[in-house]
Amino acid sequence: MRPEELLYAKTHEWVYVYEGGAKERIGRVGISAFAVEALTDLVYVELPSIGKELSEGKPFGEIESVKAVSDLYSPVTGKVIAANQDLPADLSALNRDPYGAGWLVEIEMAKDQSISHLLDYAAYQKQCAEEGH
């Protein structure tokens, strides 16, 4: 996926929304290249289990670097239907391809979930510039 195709939370998670087989909306979630660069040397990621209910804006896991431990926040409300099982053993995927192989979880979004609170690419880029990275 290209960064321009994604929506972003102010906490630097991205989401790609698509329609599943039963017409449910699925959100594939990851963290932005900006976040990966800010964290630097990643050492650990904790992802939720399949079936876990997530709430928009609430932590769903943690990512640890040599500098700090940071919460991962869900950009949408729904149920985890997939977690990237390869990621904990190969954190370099986040550096190599944060918008592809470095995805974190897939969420079956709640039926009434709005995505209007999320930023488009241009607005997210502006936010990152203001943070002065």
C-alpha atoms as a PDB file:
ATOM      1  CA  MET A   1       0.000   0.000   0.000  1.00  0.00           C
ATOM      2  CA  ARG A   2       1.044   3.550  -0.589  1.00  0.00           C
ATOM      3  CA  PRO A   3       0.943   6.039   2.308  1.00  0.00           C
ATOM      4  CA  GLU A   4      -1.327   8.301   0.226  1.00  0.00           C
ATOM      5  CA  GLU A   5      -4.048   5.607   0.239  1.00  0.00           C
ATOM      6  CA  LEU A   6      -4.266   5.402   4.034  1.00  0.00           C
ATOM      7  CA  LEU A   7      -5.973   7.261   6.842  1.00  0.00           C
ATOM      8  CA  TYR A   8      -4.079   8.235   9.991  1.00  0.00           C
ATOM      9  CA  ALA A   9      -4.737   8.671  13.704  1.00  0.00           C
ATOM     10  CA  LYS A  10      -3.083  11.593  15.459  1.00  0.00           C
ATOM     11  CA  THR A  11      -1.149   8.954  17.454  1.00  0.00           C
ATOM     12  CA  HIS A  12       0.644   7.816  14.238  1.00  0.00           C
ATOM     13  CA  GLU A  13      -1.265   4.622  13.503  1.00  0.00           C
ATOM     14  CA  TRP A  14      -2.537   4.163   9.950  1.00  0.00           C
ATOM     15  CA  VAL A  15      -5.584   2.270   8.763  1.00  0.00           C
ATOM     16  CA  TYR A  16      -6.522   0.917   5.353  1.00  0.00           C
ATOM     17  CA  VAL A  17     -10.266   0.307   5.148  1.00  0.00           C
ATOM     18  CA  TYR A  18     -11.642  -2.267   2.711  1.00  0.00           C
ATOM     19  CA  GLU A  19     -14.705  -4.431   2.285  1.00  0.00           C
ATOM     20  CA  GLY A  20     -14.547  -8.038   3.460  1.00  0.00           C
ATOM     21  CA  GLY A  21     -16.267 -11.040   1.886  1.00  0.00           C
ATOM     22  CA  ALA A  22     -19.524 -10.644   3.832  1.00  0.00           C
ATOM     23  CA  LYS A  23     -19.641  -6.899   3.123  1.00  0.00           C
ATOM     24  CA  GLU A  24     -18.155  -6.080   6.527  1.00  0.00           C
ATOM     25  CA  ARG A  25     -15.606  -3.278   6.679  1.00  0.00           C
ATOM     26  CA  ILE A  26     -12.092  -4.384   7.589  1.00  0.00           C
ATOM     27  CA  GLY A  27      -9.381  -2.052   8.824  1.00  0.00           C
ATOM     28  CA  ARG A  28      -5.764  -3.111   8.390  1.00  0.00           C
ATOM     29  CA  VAL A  29      -3.714  -1.182  10.969  1.00  0.00           C
ATOM     30  CA  GLY A  30      -0.027  -0.333  11.261  1.00  0.00           C
ATOM     31  CA  ILE A  31       2.237   2.492  12.378  1.00  0.00           C
ATOM     32  CA  SER A  32       3.597   5.170  10.102  1.00  0.00           C
ATOM     33  CA  ALA A  33       7.154   5.506   8.844  1.00  0.00           C
ATOM     34  CA  PHE A  34       7.313   8.721  10.919  1.00  0.00           C
ATOM     35  CA  ALA A  35       6.565   6.702  14.080  1.00  0.00           C
ATOM     36  CA  VAL A  36       9.074   3.977  13.179  1.00  0.00           C
ATOM     37  CA  GLU A  37      11.804   6.582  12.623  1.00  0.00           C
ATOM     38  CA  ALA A  38      10.960   8.352  15.889  1.00  0.00           C
ATOM     39  CA  LEU A  39      11.112   5.096  17.866  1.00  0.00           C
ATOM     40  CA  THR A  40      14.408   3.975  16.242  1.00  0.00           C
ATOM     41  CA  ASP A  41      15.859   0.576  17.204  1.00  0.00           C
ATOM     42  CA  LEU A  42      12.784  -1.610  17.754  1.00  0.00           C
ATOM     43  CA  VAL A  43      13.192  -4.585  20.069  1.00  0.00           C
ATOM     44  CA  TYR A  44       9.675  -5.887  20.859  1.00  0.00           C
ATOM     45  CA  VAL A  45       6.032  -5.651  19.826  1.00  0.00           C
ATOM     46  CA  GLU A  46       3.004  -7.002  21.659  1.00  0.00           C
ATOM     47  CA  LEU A  47      -0.107  -7.568  19.552  1.00  0.00           C
ATOM     48  CA  PRO A  48      -3.618  -8.507  20.706  1.00  0.00           C
ATOM     49  CA  SER A  49      -5.128 -11.951  20.283  1.00  0.00           C
ATOM     50  CA  ILE A  50      -7.711 -12.836  17.625  1.00  0.00           C
ATOM     51  CA  GLY A  51     -11.208 -12.015  18.849  1.00  0.00           C
ATOM     52  CA  LYS A  52     -10.176  -9.191  21.162  1.00  0.00           C
ATOM     53  CA  GLU A  53     -12.562  -6.234  21.088  1.00  0.00           C
ATOM     54  CA  LEU A  54     -10.805  -2.915  20.494  1.00  0.00           C
ATOM     55  CA  SER A  55     -12.083   0.602  21.079  1.00  0.00           C
ATOM     56  CA  GLU A  56     -11.177   3.639  19.022  1.00  0.00           C
ATOM     57  CA  GLY A  57      -8.437   5.660  20.721  1.00  0.00           C
ATOM     58  CA  LYS A  58      -7.642   2.975  23.312  1.00  0.00           C
ATOM     59  CA  PRO A  59      -4.380   0.978  23.552  1.00  0.00           C
ATOM     60  CA  PHE A  60      -4.331  -2.458  21.926  1.00  0.00           C
ATOM     61  CA  GLY A  61      -0.658  -3.353  22.296  1.00  0.00           C
ATOM     62  CA  GLU A  62       2.832  -2.047  22.867  1.00  0.00           C
ATOM     63  CA  ILE A  63       5.932  -1.424  20.840  1.00  0.00           C
ATOM     64  CA  GLU A  64       9.316  -1.179  22.506  1.00  0.00           C
ATOM     65  CA  SER A  65      12.508   0.395  21.261  1.00  0.00           C
ATOM     66  CA  VAL A  66      15.848   0.901  22.967  1.00  0.00           C
ATOM     67  CA  LYS A  67      14.533   4.388  23.860  1.00  0.00           C
ATOM     68  CA  ALA A  68      11.036   3.745  25.207  1.00  0.00           C
ATOM     69  CA  VAL A  69       7.917   1.587  25.424  1.00  0.00           C
ATOM     70  CA  SER A  70       4.971   3.099  23.558  1.00  0.00           C
ATOM     71  CA  ASP A  71       1.313   2.118  23.462  1.00  0.00           C
ATOM     72  CA  LEU A  72      -0.305   1.261  20.141  1.00  0.00           C
ATOM     73  CA  TYR A  73      -3.744   2.866  19.807  1.00  0.00           C
ATOM     74  CA  SER A  74      -6.621   1.532  17.771  1.00  0.00           C
ATOM     75  CA  PRO A  75      -7.799   4.016  15.146  1.00  0.00           C
ATOM     76  CA  VAL A  76     -11.194   2.255  14.959  1.00  0.00           C
ATOM     77  CA  THR A  77     -13.584   0.203  17.105  1.00  0.00           C
ATOM     78  CA  GLY A  78     -14.083  -3.474  16.318  1.00  0.00           C
ATOM     79  CA  LYS A  79     -12.844  -7.033  16.747  1.00  0.00           C
ATOM     80  CA  VAL A  80      -9.348  -8.303  15.892  1.00  0.00           C
ATOM     81  CA  ILE A  81      -9.620 -10.861  13.089  1.00  0.00           C
ATOM     82  CA  ALA A  82      -5.890 -11.144  12.280  1.00  0.00           C
ATOM     83  CA  ALA A  83      -2.550 -10.240  13.822  1.00  0.00           C
ATOM     84  CA  ASN A  84       0.726 -10.170  11.916  1.00  0.00           C
ATOM     85  CA  GLN A  85       2.266 -13.358  13.324  1.00  0.00           C
ATOM     86  CA  ASP A  86       5.574 -12.756  11.506  1.00  0.00           C
ATOM     87  CA  LEU A  87       6.187  -9.357  13.039  1.00  0.00           C
ATOM     88  CA  PRO A  88       7.353 -10.216  16.589  1.00  0.00           C
ATOM     89  CA  ALA A  89      10.145 -12.392  15.152  1.00  0.00           C
ATOM     90  CA  ASP A  90      11.051  -9.912  12.384  1.00  0.00           C
ATOM     91  CA  LEU A  91      10.667  -6.313  13.569  1.00  0.00           C
ATOM     92  CA  SER A  92      12.806  -5.175  10.644  1.00  0.00           C
ATOM     93  CA  ALA A  93       9.624  -5.449   8.520  1.00  0.00           C
ATOM     94  CA  LEU A  94       8.477  -2.247  10.220  1.00  0.00           C
ATOM     95  CA  ASN A  95      11.594  -0.449   9.015  1.00  0.00           C
ATOM     96  CA  ARG A  96      11.595  -1.998   5.540  1.00  0.00           C
ATOM     97  CA  ASP A  97       7.895  -1.767   4.765  1.00  0.00           C
ATOM     98  CA  PRO A  98       5.748  -0.086   7.463  1.00  0.00           C
ATOM     99  CA  TYR A  99       2.782   0.166   5.046  1.00  0.00           C
ATOM    100  CA  GLY A 100       2.958  -3.405   3.779  1.00  0.00           C
ATOM    101  CA  ALA A 101       4.766  -6.290   5.489  1.00  0.00           C
ATOM    102  CA  GLY A 102       4.896  -4.267   8.726  1.00  0.00           C
ATOM    103  CA  TRP A 103       1.116  -4.198   9.299  1.00  0.00           C
ATOM    104  CA  LEU A 104       0.029  -4.988  12.870  1.00  0.00           C
ATOM    105  CA  VAL A 105      -3.611  -6.152  13.026  1.00  0.00           C
ATOM    106  CA  GLU A 106      -6.780  -6.426  10.988  1.00  0.00           C
ATOM    107  CA  ILE A 107     -10.003  -5.316  12.650  1.00  0.00           C
ATOM    108  CA  GLU A 108     -13.573  -6.109  11.652  1.00  0.00           C
ATOM    109  CA  MET A 109     -14.921  -2.629  12.195  1.00  0.00           C
ATOM    110  CA  ALA A 110     -18.078  -1.965  14.202  1.00  0.00           C
ATOM    111  CA  LYS A 111     -21.098  -1.394  11.927  1.00  0.00           C
ATOM    112  CA  ASP A 112     -21.521   2.219  13.086  1.00  0.00           C
ATOM    113  CA  GLN A 113     -17.809   3.082  12.986  1.00  0.00           C
ATOM    114  CA  SER A 114     -17.124   6.479  11.446  1.00  0.00           C
ATOM    115  CA  ILE A 115     -13.733   7.268   9.940  1.00  0.00           C
ATOM    116  CA  SER A 116     -14.276  11.036   9.748  1.00  0.00           C
ATOM    117  CA  HIS A 117     -11.950  11.590  12.742  1.00  0.00           C
ATOM    118  CA  LEU A 118      -8.975  10.155  10.850  1.00  0.00           C
ATOM    119  CA  LEU A 119      -6.518  12.307   8.912  1.00  0.00           C
ATOM    120  CA  ASP A 120      -5.851  11.996   5.212  1.00  0.00           C
ATOM    121  CA  TYR A 121      -2.240  11.853   4.013  1.00  0.00           C
ATOM    122  CA  ALA A 122      -1.856  15.621   3.520  1.00  0.00           C
ATOM    123  CA  ALA A 123      -3.237  16.436   6.973  1.00  0.00           C
ATOM    124  CA  TYR A 124      -1.041  13.762   8.557  1.00  0.00           C
ATOM    125  CA  GLN A 125       2.073  15.103   6.783  1.00  0.00           C
ATOM    126  CA  LYS A 126       1.233  18.569   8.127  1.00  0.00           C
ATOM    127  CA  GLN A 127       0.917  17.149  11.665  1.00  0.00           C
ATOM    128  CA  CYS A 128       4.311  15.422  11.361  1.00  0.00           C
ATOM    129  CA  ALA A 129       5.947  18.647  10.120  1.00  0.00           C
ATOM    130  CA  GLU A 130       4.475  20.529  13.080  1.00  0.00           C
ATOM    131  CA  GLU A 131       5.928  17.933  15.452  1.00  0.00           C
ATOM    132  CA  GLY A 132       9.304  18.873  14.027  1.00  0.00           C
ATOM    133  CA  HIS A 133      10.710  15.466  13.290  1.00  0.00           C
END
